[in-house]
Protein backbone atom coordinates (compact mmCIF):
# COMPACT_ATOMS: atom_id res chain seq x y z
CA MET A 1 0.28 0.07 -0.10
CA LEU A 2 1.09 3.81 -1.01
CA ILE A 3 0.37 5.90 2.01
CA CYS A 4 0.53 9.96 1.36
CA ARG A 5 0.46 12.63 3.31
CA PHE A 6 -1.23 15.67 0.82
CA ALA A 7 -3.40 19.33 1.18
CA VAL A 8 -6.40 20.27 0.06
CA GLY A 9 -6.47 24.13 0.75
CA GLU A 10 -5.89 24.40 4.38
CA ASP A 11 -6.68 20.80 5.08
CA ILE A 12 -4.34 18.43 5.65
CA TRP A 13 -5.22 14.24 5.56
CA PHE A 14 -3.45 11.21 5.03
CA GLY A 15 -4.24 9.37 2.25
CA ALA A 16 -3.86 5.95 0.47
CA VAL A 17 -2.52 6.55 -3.24
CA ASP A 18 -3.83 3.91 -6.05
CA GLY A 19 -3.84 3.91 -9.92
CA LEU A 20 0.16 4.46 -10.84
CA ASP A 21 1.52 3.52 -13.99
CA ASP A 22 4.11 0.51 -14.34
CA ASP A 23 6.95 2.62 -12.90
CA ASP A 24 5.39 4.01 -10.02
CA GLN A 25 4.64 7.28 -11.64
CA VAL A 26 1.54 9.38 -11.55
CA THR A 27 -1.20 8.98 -14.54
CA ASP A 28 -4.04 10.93 -14.99
CA GLU A 29 -5.67 7.96 -13.68
CA SER A 30 -4.09 8.06 -10.33
CA ILE A 31 -6.26 8.48 -7.48
CA VAL A 32 -5.85 8.97 -3.40
CA ALA A 33 -8.14 7.85 -0.56
CA PRO A 34 -8.14 10.27 2.27
CA ILE A 35 -8.21 7.65 5.34
CA GLU A 36 -9.21 8.87 9.30
CA GLY A 37 -6.54 9.93 11.52
CA HIS A 38 -3.28 8.87 11.62
CA PRO A 39 -1.90 5.63 9.87
CA PHE A 40 0.27 4.37 12.15
CA VAL A 41 -2.57 3.51 14.95
CA ASP A 42 -5.16 2.08 11.89
CA ILE A 43 -5.94 3.02 8.34
CA ARG A 44 -9.67 3.39 7.77
CA PRO A 45 -10.54 4.95 4.30
CA GLU A 46 -12.50 8.27 5.06
CA GLY A 47 -14.74 7.29 2.09
CA SER A 48 -14.08 9.89 -0.24
CA VAL A 49 -11.95 9.69 -3.33
CA MET A 50 -10.33 12.11 -5.19
CA LYS A 51 -7.47 12.62 -8.42
CA LEU A 52 -3.91 12.89 -7.08
CA ALA A 53 -3.14 15.36 -9.81
CA ASP A 54 -5.76 17.95 -7.54
CA VAL A 55 -3.81 17.44 -4.36
CA ARG A 56 -0.72 18.74 -3.15
CA LEU A 57 1.72 16.26 -1.58
CA LEU A 58 3.43 17.08 1.21
CA ALA A 59 6.42 15.20 2.83
CA PRO A 60 4.46 12.28 3.89
CA VAL A 61 5.26 12.24 7.44
CA ILE A 62 6.98 14.78 10.02
CA PRO A 63 9.48 12.53 12.18
CA SER A 64 10.23 13.41 15.95
CA LYS A 65 13.95 12.73 14.53
CA ILE A 66 16.10 11.57 11.64
CA VAL A 67 19.04 8.90 12.14
CA CYS A 68 20.99 8.83 9.31
CA VAL A 69 23.61 6.23 8.66
CA GLY A 70 26.81 7.30 6.79
CA LYS A 71 29.31 5.62 5.07
CA ASN A 72 26.78 2.56 4.60
CA TYR A 73 27.87 2.01 0.97
CA ARG A 74 31.79 1.25 0.38
CA GLU A 75 31.75 2.91 -3.03
CA HIS A 76 30.69 6.21 -1.59
CA ALA A 77 33.09 5.83 1.93
CA ALA A 78 35.64 5.19 -1.03
CA GLU A 79 34.71 8.18 -2.73
CA MET A 80 34.78 10.31 0.64
CA ASP A 81 38.68 9.13 0.71
CA SER A 82 37.63 6.72 3.56
CA GLU A 83 36.34 3.55 4.50
CA ALA A 84 33.21 1.84 5.50
CA PRO A 85 32.65 1.64 9.39
CA ASP A 86 32.48 -2.05 11.25
CA GLU A 87 29.10 -0.71 12.98
CA PRO A 88 26.57 1.93 11.30
CA LEU A 89 27.92 4.97 11.94
CA LEU A 90 25.02 7.26 13.04
CA PHE A 91 24.04 11.49 12.55
CA LEU A 92 21.20 13.29 12.95
CA LYS A 93 19.14 15.90 10.85
CA PRO A 94 16.66 17.93 12.36
CA SER A 95 12.94 17.63 11.21
CA THR A 96 12.90 21.28 10.46
CA ALA A 97 14.84 20.12 7.33
CA VAL A 98 12.12 17.79 5.94
CA ILE A 99 10.43 18.73 2.84
CA GLY A 100 8.19 17.05 0.57
CA SER A 101 8.45 16.22 -3.33
CA GLY A 102 8.11 19.34 -5.81
CA ASP A 103 9.29 22.08 -2.53
CA PRO A 104 12.49 23.65 -3.82
CA ILE A 105 16.14 22.99 -1.81
CA ASP A 106 17.24 26.03 -1.14
CA LEU A 107 21.15 26.70 -1.55
CA PRO A 108 22.63 28.56 2.03
CA TRP A 109 24.49 31.28 1.20
CA GLN A 110 27.37 29.81 4.23
CA SER A 111 27.81 27.18 1.22
CA GLU A 112 29.82 26.35 -2.17
CA GLN A 113 29.16 23.14 -2.38
CA VAL A 114 25.63 21.12 -1.80
CA GLU A 115 25.36 17.73 -2.69
CA HIS A 116 22.89 15.68 -3.32
CA GLU A 117 22.92 11.68 -1.11
CA GLY A 118 19.86 9.47 -2.92
CA GLU A 119 19.17 7.21 -0.07
CA LEU A 120 16.11 4.57 1.30
CA ALA A 121 14.70 5.91 4.05
CA VAL A 122 12.62 3.46 6.84
CA VAL A 123 9.67 4.74 8.42
CA ILE A 124 9.33 3.17 12.02
CA GLY A 125 5.45 2.52 12.50
CA ARG A 126 5.52 1.82 16.34
CA MET A 127 7.22 2.97 19.68
CA CYS A 128 10.68 0.58 19.99
CA LYS A 129 13.70 -0.20 21.94
CA ASP A 130 16.29 -2.62 21.40
CA ILE A 131 14.52 -4.55 18.58
CA PRO A 132 16.36 -7.95 17.53
CA ILE A 133 17.58 -8.33 13.63
CA ASP A 134 14.85 -10.79 13.39
CA ARG A 135 11.61 -8.87 14.69
CA VAL A 136 12.30 -5.46 13.00
CA ASP A 137 9.55 -6.11 10.46
CA GLU A 138 6.93 -5.51 13.13
CA VAL A 139 8.55 -1.76 13.82
CA VAL A 140 8.93 -0.74 10.02
CA PHE A 141 5.47 0.95 8.81
CA GLY A 142 6.94 1.00 5.10
CA TYR A 143 9.64 2.99 3.05
CA THR A 144 10.64 6.33 0.87
CA CYS A 145 12.83 8.03 -0.95
CA ALA A 146 14.93 10.93 0.38
CA ASN A 147 17.86 13.01 -0.25
CA ASP A 148 20.58 13.61 2.17
CA VAL A 149 21.40 17.19 1.02
CA THR A 150 25.22 17.86 2.55
CA ALA A 151 27.12 21.59 2.24
CA ARG A 152 30.16 19.30 2.08
CA ASP A 153 32.57 22.50 2.04
CA LEU A 154 31.12 22.74 5.88
CA GLN A 155 31.38 18.99 6.55
CA LYS A 156 34.95 18.97 5.76
CA SER A 157 35.31 22.39 7.68
CA ASP A 158 33.23 22.00 11.06
CA GLY A 159 34.62 18.69 11.76
CA GLN A 160 31.41 17.32 12.30
CA TRP A 161 28.21 16.99 10.11
CA ALA A 162 25.50 18.67 12.15
CA ARG A 163 25.63 22.29 10.41
CA ALA A 164 26.13 20.47 7.03
CA LYS A 165 23.33 17.88 7.15
CA GLY A 166 20.85 20.13 8.99
CA PHE A 167 19.91 23.35 7.03
CA ASP A 168 16.15 24.08 6.58
CA THR A 169 15.25 22.36 3.42
CA PHE A 170 18.21 19.90 3.64
CA CYS A 171 15.41 16.46 3.84
CA PRO A 172 13.48 15.97 1.12
CA LEU A 173 10.91 12.88 1.76
CA GLY A 174 8.87 11.51 -0.62
CA PRO A 175 6.42 11.17 -2.32
CA TRP A 176 5.03 8.81 -0.65
CA ILE A 177 5.50 5.79 2.11
CA GLN A 178 5.58 1.98 0.31
CA THR A 179 4.79 -0.61 3.21
CA GLU A 180 5.29 -3.72 1.10
CA LEU A 181 8.95 -3.03 -0.14
CA SER A 182 11.40 -5.41 -0.18
CA PRO A 183 14.57 -3.62 0.41
CA ALA A 184 17.16 -5.89 -0.88
CA ASP A 185 15.09 -6.58 -4.30
CA ALA A 186 15.06 -2.17 -5.33
CA ASP A 187 17.39 -0.01 -6.43
CA ILE A 188 18.36 3.87 -6.53
CA THR A 189 18.77 5.95 -9.31
CA VAL A 190 19.42 9.67 -8.33
CA ARG A 191 19.06 12.68 -11.75
CA VAL A 192 19.72 16.41 -11.83
CA ASN A 193 18.44 17.71 -15.29
CA GLY A 194 17.85 14.48 -16.48
CA GLU A 195 21.42 13.15 -15.94
CA GLN A 196 22.14 10.01 -14.02
CA ARG A 197 24.41 10.59 -11.11
CA GLN A 198 23.53 7.82 -8.49
CA HIS A 199 22.46 4.18 -9.33
CA GLY A 200 22.84 1.11 -7.00
CA GLY A 201 21.34 -1.73 -5.60
CA ILE A 202 19.73 -1.04 -2.01
CA ASP A 203 21.59 -4.84 -1.18
CA ALA A 204 25.02 -3.58 -1.93
CA MET A 205 24.11 -1.40 1.88
CA VAL A 206 27.16 -2.43 4.24
CA HIS A 207 24.94 -2.64 6.82
CA ASP A 208 21.26 -3.74 5.49
CA VAL A 209 18.18 -2.44 6.75
CA PRO A 210 17.63 -5.07 9.70
CA ALA A 211 21.13 -4.50 11.23
CA VAL A 212 20.84 -0.67 10.81
CA VAL A 213 17.28 -0.45 12.52
CA SER A 214 18.47 -2.92 15.04
CA TYR A 215 21.44 -0.89 15.95
CA VAL A 216 19.59 2.78 15.77
CA SER A 217 16.80 1.21 18.42
CA SER A 218 20.00 -0.35 20.72
CA CYS A 219 20.89 3.35 21.04
CA MET A 220 17.48 5.41 21.43
CA THR A 221 13.89 4.84 21.65
CA LEU A 222 12.17 4.54 17.95
CA LEU A 223 8.75 6.76 17.66
CA PRO A 224 6.29 6.08 14.96
CA GLY A 225 6.78 8.34 12.13
CA ASP A 226 10.50 8.48 13.18
CA VAL A 227 12.75 8.55 9.73
CA ILE A 228 15.71 6.23 9.36
CA LEU A 229 18.13 7.53 6.54
CA THR A 230 20.31 4.10 5.56
CA GLY A 231 23.13 5.46 3.07
CA THR A 232 23.78 6.66 -0.17
CA PRO A 233 25.13 4.52 -3.47
CA GLU A 234 28.51 6.43 -5.08
CA GLY A 235 28.22 9.41 -7.32
CA VAL A 236 27.39 12.31 -4.97
CA GLY A 237 27.74 15.49 -6.79
CA PRO A 238 26.86 19.39 -6.99
CA LEU A 239 23.38 21.18 -6.78
CA THR A 240 23.20 24.62 -8.55
CA ASP A 241 20.81 27.51 -8.61
CA GLY A 242 18.31 25.68 -11.23
CA ASP A 243 18.62 22.62 -11.02
CA LEU A 244 15.94 19.91 -10.89
CA VAL A 245 16.95 17.07 -8.67
CA SER A 246 15.16 13.49 -8.44
CA ILE A 247 15.61 10.17 -6.08
CA GLY A 248 13.79 7.15 -7.91
CA ILE A 249 13.63 4.18 -5.73
CA SER A 250 12.29 1.32 -7.48
CA GLY A 251 9.12 -0.27 -5.88
CA ILE A 252 8.58 3.38 -4.52
CA GLY A 253 8.16 6.13 -7.18
CA THR A 254 10.14 9.44 -7.87
CA LEU A 255 10.96 12.34 -5.00
CA THR A 256 11.96 15.54 -7.39
CA ASN A 257 13.01 19.11 -5.87
CA PRO A 258 13.89 22.02 -7.66
CA VAL A 259 17.22 23.39 -6.27
CA ARG A 260 17.46 27.63 -5.49
CA SER A 261 19.40 30.05 -4.24
CA ALA A 262 18.83 31.18 -0.64
CA ALA A 263 20.00 34.96 -0.15
CA PRO A 264 20.59 35.77 3.45
């Protein structure tokens, strides 16, 4: 099932998406059925249906925290002149960095080197702590596309990653949550202005989804709606004013955001 979060006028709903094409793209037949309440509790159709083209998609969730895994693909670690760590390397992005598909990524004046990092995002469905690897499926609600936008020059100069990863708009999520994905069978493709920049199978992760979720839950309590970004394959590169960046994950869909300069 595909679960989105959307706005009609000033009203915000969660809804179930249907009618995509074989490439998980929106068509004239695509619809959304609003659901009552919150999908992490129970999915109950509200009773109406509307065309997906007539609503404004929002970030599918606003998490209490975004936990990210660095250097989780060996080739990406190598392009950063590093090695993949023996244990997941964790850092946080603030919830204020979240935007949805179609929203602009703002290039901060403090940086001269902002880069894309396409990633699979795990959405947690229930409160959990110290989850064994073999029970991770019980706490995962679904998966979505993410862009771990990074000010690479600030990441290097600061010596830690909070500022470089935490600017407003630096965590695009969407376009919806896929509740039935098998991550090991999916792949990520990142395009900028239609040109492929990144491509890789999710099965190439150093630490797979069950290992990552279990590890994170051993450090902190995870709440419904929390998001875990699982790392990016090789090929990260620059974003400039006027670019259009798309993160596509097979079985989910495509997260697309324009890029613009943010004046001080």
